[in-house]
Amino acid sequence: MANFSIHTDDQELLETIAKKVTRKEESIHLMKEDINADTVMKAFLQLENMNRDLQQVKP
């Protein structure tokens, strides 16, 4: 994680930076959710395929 400091009295600049950082954090969180949902879906499809294959093996 990057650490940095900004020394300024420009309140508008600080608010703009805070908003951009918050938006980045939110988009990273959404990307993580997408990755997790994609991983779960792939695992589910693999299980479905395995189950189908097992059904075909049964006499």
Protein backbone atom coordinates (compact mmCIF):
# COMPACT_ATOMS: atom_id res chain seq x y z
CA MET A 1 0.00 0.00 0.00
CA ALA A 2 1.35 3.40 -0.94
CA ASN A 3 1.86 5.99 1.75
CA PHE A 4 2.27 9.65 0.97
CA SER A 5 1.57 12.98 2.56
CA ILE A 6 0.39 16.29 1.16
CA HIS A 7 1.06 19.55 2.94
CA THR A 8 -1.33 22.23 1.74
CA ASP A 9 -3.90 24.64 3.06
CA ASP A 10 -5.96 24.31 -0.14
CA GLN A 11 -9.14 22.70 1.21
CA GLU A 12 -10.65 22.30 -2.26
CA LEU A 13 -7.57 20.38 -3.44
CA LEU A 14 -7.72 18.11 -0.38
CA GLU A 15 -11.43 17.42 -0.94
CA THR A 16 -10.83 16.62 -4.63
CA ILE A 17 -8.04 14.19 -3.73
CA ALA A 18 -10.20 12.56 -1.06
CA LYS A 19 -13.06 12.05 -3.56
CA LYS A 20 -10.75 10.53 -6.15
CA VAL A 21 -9.19 8.18 -3.62
CA THR A 22 -12.64 7.11 -2.43
CA ARG A 23 -13.78 6.45 -6.02
CA LYS A 24 -10.64 4.37 -6.66
CA GLU A 25 -11.25 2.33 -3.51
CA GLU A 26 -14.88 1.77 -4.53
CA SER A 27 -13.91 0.64 -8.04
CA ILE A 28 -11.26 -1.71 -6.63
CA HIS A 29 -13.89 -3.18 -4.29
CA LEU A 30 -16.27 -3.71 -7.23
CA MET A 31 -13.52 -5.39 -9.25
CA LYS A 32 -12.87 -7.75 -6.34
CA GLU A 33 -16.57 -8.60 -6.19
CA ASP A 34 -16.61 -9.30 -9.95
CA ILE A 35 -13.56 -11.55 -9.64
CA ASN A 36 -15.11 -13.44 -6.74
CA ALA A 37 -18.43 -13.87 -8.56
CA ASP A 38 -16.61 -15.06 -11.69
CA THR A 39 -14.56 -17.56 -9.68
CA VAL A 40 -17.66 -18.92 -7.95
CA MET A 41 -19.49 -19.25 -11.27
CA LYS A 42 -16.59 -21.12 -12.87
CA ALA A 43 -16.39 -23.50 -9.91
CA PHE A 44 -20.16 -24.06 -10.05
CA LEU A 45 -20.01 -24.86 -13.76
CA GLN A 46 -17.15 -27.30 -13.17
CA LEU A 47 -19.19 -29.04 -10.48
CA GLU A 48 -22.19 -29.24 -12.79
CA ASN A 49 -20.05 -30.80 -15.50
CA MET A 50 -18.55 -33.29 -13.06
CA ASN A 51 -22.01 -34.19 -11.78
CA ARG A 52 -23.27 -34.71 -15.33
CA ASP A 53 -20.27 -36.94 -16.11
CA LEU A 54 -20.93 -38.99 -12.97
CA GLN A 55 -24.60 -39.40 -13.92
CA GLN A 56 -23.54 -40.85 -17.27
CA VAL A 57 -21.25 -43.41 -15.57
CA LYS A 58 -24.01 -44.85 -13.37
CA PRO A 59 -25.63 -48.01 -14.78
